[in-house]
N, C-alpha and C. Protein backbone atom coordinates (compact mmCIF):
# COMPACT_ATOMS: atom_id res chain seq x y z
N MET A 1 120.10 8.90 193.19
CA MET A 1 119.91 9.18 191.93
C MET A 1 120.74 10.23 191.33
N PHE A 2 121.11 10.11 190.19
CA PHE A 2 122.15 11.24 189.58
C PHE A 2 121.29 12.48 189.28
N LYS A 3 121.97 13.61 189.54
CA LYS A 3 121.36 14.77 189.27
C LYS A 3 122.43 15.74 188.73
N VAL A 4 122.12 16.16 187.42
CA VAL A 4 122.99 17.11 186.90
C VAL A 4 122.97 18.53 187.41
N GLU A 5 124.03 18.95 187.90
CA GLU A 5 124.15 20.35 188.53
C GLU A 5 125.10 21.18 187.78
N LYS A 6 124.45 22.48 187.90
CA LYS A 6 125.19 23.67 187.07
C LYS A 6 125.58 24.59 188.07
N PRO A 7 127.00 24.76 188.06
CA PRO A 7 127.52 25.66 188.94
C PRO A 7 127.32 27.16 188.65
N GLU A 8 126.99 27.95 189.47
CA GLU A 8 126.58 29.42 189.37
C GLU A 8 127.88 30.23 189.28
N TYR A 9 128.28 30.92 188.25
CA TYR A 9 129.33 31.75 188.03
C TYR A 9 129.05 33.33 188.02
N VAL A 10 129.94 34.01 188.57
CA VAL A 10 129.77 35.41 188.48
C VAL A 10 130.98 36.03 187.89
N ASN A 11 131.08 37.31 187.42
CA ASN A 11 131.86 38.08 186.55
C ASN A 11 132.41 39.06 187.72
N LYS A 12 133.78 39.10 187.74
CA LYS A 12 134.48 39.96 188.62
C LYS A 12 135.78 40.25 188.12
N THR A 13 135.93 41.57 188.28
CA THR A 13 137.46 42.30 187.51
C THR A 13 138.31 42.44 188.69
N PHE A 14 139.51 42.01 188.42
CA PHE A 14 140.63 42.18 189.32
C PHE A 14 141.84 42.76 188.51
N ARG A 15 142.62 43.54 189.32
CA ARG A 15 143.92 43.90 188.72
C ARG A 15 145.11 43.22 189.37
N ILE A 16 145.86 42.87 188.37
CA ILE A 16 147.09 42.04 188.81
C ILE A 16 148.31 42.49 188.06
N GLU A 17 149.45 42.26 188.70
CA GLU A 17 150.61 42.76 188.00
C GLU A 17 151.03 42.11 186.67
N ARG A 18 151.54 42.76 185.66
CA ARG A 18 151.78 42.28 184.70
C ARG A 18 152.51 41.01 184.44
N SER A 19 153.60 40.89 185.44
CA SER A 19 154.39 39.59 185.40
C SER A 19 153.69 38.56 185.91
N LEU A 20 152.64 38.69 186.83
CA LEU A 20 152.01 37.56 187.32
C LEU A 20 150.94 37.13 185.94
N LEU A 21 150.49 37.89 185.35
CA LEU A 21 149.52 37.49 184.28
C LEU A 21 150.53 36.74 183.19
N THR A 22 151.81 37.29 183.06
CA THR A 22 152.62 36.57 182.02
C THR A 22 152.85 35.19 182.50
N ARG A 23 153.12 34.91 183.80
CA ARG A 23 153.30 33.59 184.32
C ARG A 23 152.17 32.63 184.18
N LEU A 24 150.99 33.21 184.51
CA LEU A 24 149.58 32.45 184.40
C LEU A 24 149.34 32.10 182.98
N GLU A 25 149.63 33.06 182.11
CA GLU A 25 149.15 32.65 180.71
C GLU A 25 150.17 31.70 180.09
N THR A 26 151.66 31.66 180.66
CA THR A 26 152.43 30.69 180.31
C THR A 26 152.00 29.27 180.54
N ILE A 27 151.46 29.25 181.97
CA ILE A 27 151.15 28.04 182.54
C ILE A 27 149.80 27.52 181.85
N ALA A 28 148.85 28.24 181.69
CA ALA A 28 147.73 28.02 181.08
C ALA A 28 147.96 27.48 179.86
N GLN A 29 148.93 27.98 178.95
CA GLN A 29 149.05 27.69 177.57
C GLN A 29 149.67 26.11 177.72
N ARG A 30 150.66 26.08 178.58
CA ARG A 30 151.36 24.75 178.59
C ARG A 30 150.30 23.62 178.99
N GLU A 31 149.50 23.94 179.97
CA GLU A 31 148.52 22.95 180.36
C GLU A 31 147.26 22.86 179.63
N ASP A 32 147.26 23.64 178.56
CA ASP A 32 145.94 23.73 177.62
C ASP A 32 144.67 23.82 178.32
N ILE A 33 144.77 24.99 179.21
CA ILE A 33 143.55 25.51 179.81
C ILE A 33 143.41 26.98 179.98
N SER A 34 142.10 27.28 180.10
CA SER A 34 141.98 28.89 180.14
C SER A 34 142.76 29.48 181.35
N ILE A 35 143.02 30.72 181.15
CA ILE A 35 143.62 31.59 182.06
C ILE A 35 142.53 31.46 183.52
N ASN A 36 141.30 31.68 183.10
CA ASN A 36 140.24 31.75 184.15
C ASN A 36 140.26 30.39 184.90
N SER A 37 140.49 29.56 184.25
CA SER A 37 140.20 28.06 184.95
C SER A 37 141.52 27.96 185.80
N LEU A 38 142.62 28.30 185.43
CA LEU A 38 143.87 28.39 186.15
C LEU A 38 143.87 29.30 187.48
N VAL A 39 143.30 30.45 187.22
CA VAL A 39 143.07 31.22 188.53
C VAL A 39 142.11 30.66 189.48
N VAL A 40 141.22 30.17 189.10
CA VAL A 40 140.08 29.61 190.00
C VAL A 40 140.69 28.51 190.64
N GLN A 41 141.35 27.68 190.00
CA GLN A 41 142.25 26.44 190.54
C GLN A 41 143.33 27.00 191.81
N CYS A 42 144.04 28.06 191.35
CA CYS A 42 145.08 28.48 192.13
C CYS A 42 144.59 29.15 193.45
N CYS A 43 143.34 29.88 193.25
CA CYS A 43 142.59 30.56 194.51
C CYS A 43 142.07 29.42 195.32
N GLN A 44 141.44 28.24 194.73
CA GLN A 44 140.75 27.29 195.69
C GLN A 44 141.74 26.47 196.36
N TYR A 45 143.20 26.28 195.71
CA TYR A 45 144.11 25.66 196.38
C TYR A 45 144.74 26.62 197.44
N ALA A 46 144.98 27.67 197.16
CA ALA A 46 145.43 28.81 198.38
C ALA A 46 144.38 28.83 199.53
N LEU A 47 143.17 28.89 199.26
CA LEU A 47 142.14 29.15 200.31
C LEU A 47 142.06 27.64 201.00
N ASP A 48 142.21 26.57 200.37
CA ASP A 48 141.97 25.32 201.03
C ASP A 48 143.32 24.92 202.01
N ASP A 49 144.31 25.66 201.48
CA ASP A 49 145.51 25.21 202.15
C ASP A 49 146.06 26.42 203.18
N MET A 50 145.09 27.29 203.40
CA MET A 50 145.70 28.41 204.37
C MET A 50 145.55 27.71 205.84
N ASP A 51 146.64 27.98 206.58
CA ASP A 51 146.90 27.63 207.95
C ASP A 51 145.64 28.00 209.04
N ASP A 52 145.58 29.40 209.16
CA ASP A 52 144.45 30.08 209.95
C ASP A 52 143.39 30.70 209.05
N LYS A 53 142.42 29.85 208.81
CA LYS A 53 141.31 30.38 207.94
C LYS A 53 140.65 31.50 208.30
N GLY A 54 140.84 32.92 207.74
CA GLY A 54 140.22 33.75 207.93
C GLY A 54 140.97 34.83 209.13
N LYS A 55 142.04 34.06 209.71
CA LYS A 55 142.60 34.92 210.71
C LYS A 55 143.26 35.82 210.30
N LYS A 56 143.39 37.48 210.87
CA LYS A 56 144.18 38.27 210.24
C LYS A 56 145.38 38.37 211.11
N THR A 57 146.50 38.68 210.51
CA THR A 57 147.90 39.07 211.16
C THR A 57 147.65 40.41 211.46
N SER A 58 148.84 40.81 212.41
CA SER A 58 149.14 42.18 212.68
C SER A 58 150.07 42.71 211.35
N GLY A 59 150.02 44.02 211.26
CA GLY A 59 150.80 44.42 210.04
C GLY A 59 149.94 44.84 209.03
N ASN A 60 150.11 44.09 207.80
CA ASN A 60 149.37 44.55 206.66
C ASN A 60 147.97 43.68 206.58
N GLY A 61 147.46 42.95 207.53
CA GLY A 61 146.43 42.43 207.44
C GLY A 61 146.38 40.88 206.49
N ARG A 62 147.46 40.67 206.02
CA ARG A 62 147.53 39.52 205.09
C ARG A 62 147.82 38.12 205.98
N ASN A 63 147.00 37.04 205.51
CA ASN A 63 147.27 35.91 206.23
C ASN A 63 148.74 35.25 205.65
N ARG A 64 149.61 34.67 206.57
CA ARG A 64 150.80 34.19 205.97
C ARG A 64 150.79 32.78 206.22
N SER A 65 151.55 31.89 205.32
CA SER A 65 151.46 30.41 205.55
C SER A 65 152.82 30.09 205.92
């Protein structure tokens, strides 16, 4: 049976470098989507393609691909 689902969204504030914002704005405008939608898609792609999901590396604590 078909069921209409509504995803739950939350608001969160992030600080990003101006140069990154400029790149995101350019891509979002070119693709005719919102910056929010682009950021969500980028995050989903990055998380889905991580090699070691949740595994910390030595040093700065960032995961490296």
